[in-house]
Amino acid sequence: MPKKDAVLSEAVDLAREALREIAPDEQVGEHLSVTAEEDRLHTHRFAAVKPGYHGWEWFVAVARAPRVKKVTVCEVGLLPGNDSLLAPAWVPWAERMDEQEKKQMAAEEAAAESAGG
């Protein structure tokens, strides 16, 4: 399990500043957490106050080199949280067809075969 790095854990203001590159201030809510992903690689999470994104969270990954105190922003983005509304899993059209559509498609295929043969 990676250990928490004090320098990276305290980089909340830098993380919030990085989010200003992709989101207006009013869409970035409170700081929710910081997680040590690896040694010297942490992820800060902020509440997303963005219309249509209830339960989503902004994230900012930050890192630093060994024996260096300067923090670098690696990545920023928006991820679904536990209470997020997500689109349902994609189902191929052939599996979504109702019986009437299947009958119609079979009839069209039969007509095409008889016309071509």
Protein backbone atom coordinates (compact mmCIF):
# COMPACT_ATOMS: atom_id res chain seq x y z
CA MET A 1 0.00 0.00 0.00
CA PRO A 2 1.49 3.36 -0.99
CA LYS A 3 2.22 5.82 1.78
CA LYS A 4 0.73 9.30 1.88
CA ASP A 5 3.10 12.07 0.94
CA ALA A 6 2.61 15.26 2.98
CA VAL A 7 3.70 17.58 0.15
CA LEU A 8 1.26 16.00 -2.33
CA SER A 9 -1.55 15.76 0.22
CA GLU A 10 -1.28 19.48 0.94
CA ALA A 11 -1.39 20.46 -2.76
CA VAL A 12 -5.15 21.17 -2.65
CA ASP A 13 -4.79 24.76 -3.92
CA LEU A 14 -2.60 23.65 -6.82
CA ALA A 15 -5.14 20.95 -7.71
CA ARG A 16 -8.01 23.46 -7.62
CA GLU A 17 -5.99 25.85 -9.79
CA ALA A 18 -5.40 23.07 -12.34
CA LEU A 19 -9.16 22.50 -12.58
CA ARG A 20 -9.61 26.14 -13.62
CA GLU A 21 -8.07 25.10 -16.95
CA ILE A 22 -11.12 22.95 -17.75
CA ALA A 23 -13.96 24.19 -15.53
CA PRO A 24 -15.33 27.49 -14.23
CA ASP A 25 -14.80 28.14 -10.50
CA GLU A 26 -18.52 27.77 -9.76
CA GLN A 27 -18.50 24.17 -11.04
CA VAL A 28 -15.76 23.03 -8.66
CA GLY A 29 -17.10 22.28 -5.19
CA GLU A 30 -15.52 21.25 -1.93
CA HIS A 31 -12.38 19.14 -1.67
CA LEU A 32 -13.59 15.60 -0.97
CA SER A 33 -10.46 13.51 -0.54
CA VAL A 34 -6.87 12.79 -1.42
CA THR A 35 -5.73 9.25 -2.23
CA ALA A 36 -2.21 7.88 -2.51
CA GLU A 37 -2.25 5.88 -5.75
CA GLU A 38 1.48 5.08 -5.69
CA ASP A 39 4.45 6.49 -3.81
CA ARG A 40 4.63 10.18 -4.81
CA LEU A 41 1.43 9.97 -6.94
CA HIS A 42 -1.81 11.22 -5.36
CA THR A 43 -5.30 12.00 -6.61
CA HIS A 44 -7.34 14.89 -5.23
CA ARG A 45 -11.12 14.75 -5.67
CA PHE A 46 -13.53 17.67 -5.63
CA ALA A 47 -17.32 17.75 -5.79
CA ALA A 48 -18.63 18.61 -9.25
CA VAL A 49 -21.26 21.34 -9.17
CA LYS A 50 -22.07 20.96 -12.85
CA PRO A 51 -25.60 20.84 -14.28
CA GLY A 52 -26.43 17.32 -15.44
CA TYR A 53 -23.55 15.75 -13.49
CA HIS A 54 -25.11 15.00 -10.09
CA GLY A 55 -22.77 12.85 -8.03
CA TRP A 56 -19.78 13.28 -10.36
CA GLU A 57 -16.35 14.31 -9.07
CA TRP A 58 -13.49 16.32 -10.49
CA PHE A 59 -10.11 14.65 -10.06
CA VAL A 60 -6.56 15.96 -10.23
CA ALA A 61 -3.58 13.60 -10.22
CA VAL A 62 -0.40 15.15 -8.81
CA ALA A 63 3.11 13.77 -8.46
CA ARG A 64 6.63 14.71 -7.49
CA ALA A 65 10.07 13.25 -8.00
CA PRO A 66 12.06 11.80 -5.08
CA ARG A 67 13.72 14.47 -2.92
CA VAL A 68 11.96 17.23 -4.89
CA LYS A 69 9.32 19.42 -3.25
CA LYS A 70 7.85 20.79 -6.50
CA VAL A 71 4.46 19.22 -7.26
CA THR A 72 3.47 18.51 -10.86
CA VAL A 73 -0.08 18.15 -12.16
CA CYS A 74 -0.32 14.96 -14.23
CA GLU A 75 -3.97 14.79 -15.21
CA VAL A 76 -7.35 16.43 -14.58
CA GLY A 77 -10.82 15.25 -15.41
CA LEU A 78 -14.35 14.35 -14.38
CA LEU A 79 -15.35 10.90 -13.10
CA PRO A 80 -18.65 9.41 -11.96
CA GLY A 81 -19.04 9.04 -8.22
CA ASN A 82 -21.05 6.42 -6.33
CA ASP A 83 -24.34 8.34 -6.72
CA SER A 84 -23.87 9.33 -10.37
CA LEU A 85 -26.52 8.84 -12.98
CA LEU A 86 -24.92 6.85 -15.80
CA ALA A 87 -26.17 5.76 -19.18
CA PRO A 88 -27.20 2.12 -19.34
CA ALA A 89 -24.82 -0.41 -20.84
CA TRP A 90 -24.91 -0.48 -24.63
CA VAL A 91 -26.93 -3.30 -26.17
CA PRO A 92 -26.38 -4.21 -29.84
CA TRP A 93 -29.30 -3.36 -32.11
CA ALA A 94 -29.87 -7.02 -33.04
CA GLU A 95 -30.50 -7.81 -29.38
CA ARG A 96 -32.87 -4.85 -28.94
CA MET A 97 -35.11 -5.65 -31.91
CA ASP A 98 -38.66 -6.59 -30.99
CA GLU A 99 -40.49 -9.52 -32.61
CA GLN A 100 -42.19 -7.35 -35.24
CA GLU A 101 -38.85 -5.93 -36.37
CA LYS A 102 -37.36 -9.43 -36.57
CA LYS A 103 -40.29 -10.67 -38.72
CA GLN A 104 -40.02 -7.65 -41.00
CA MET A 105 -36.27 -8.10 -41.41
CA ALA A 106 -36.68 -11.82 -42.18
CA ALA A 107 -39.36 -11.00 -44.79
CA GLU A 108 -37.10 -8.38 -46.41
CA GLU A 109 -34.20 -10.84 -46.54
CA ALA A 110 -36.43 -13.53 -48.08
CA ALA A 111 -37.72 -11.07 -50.68
CA ALA A 112 -34.17 -10.01 -51.54
CA GLU A 113 -33.08 -13.65 -51.94
CA SER A 114 -36.02 -14.54 -54.20
CA ALA A 115 -35.50 -11.43 -56.33
CA GLY A 116 -31.81 -12.15 -56.74
CA GLY A 117 -32.05 -15.87 -57.38
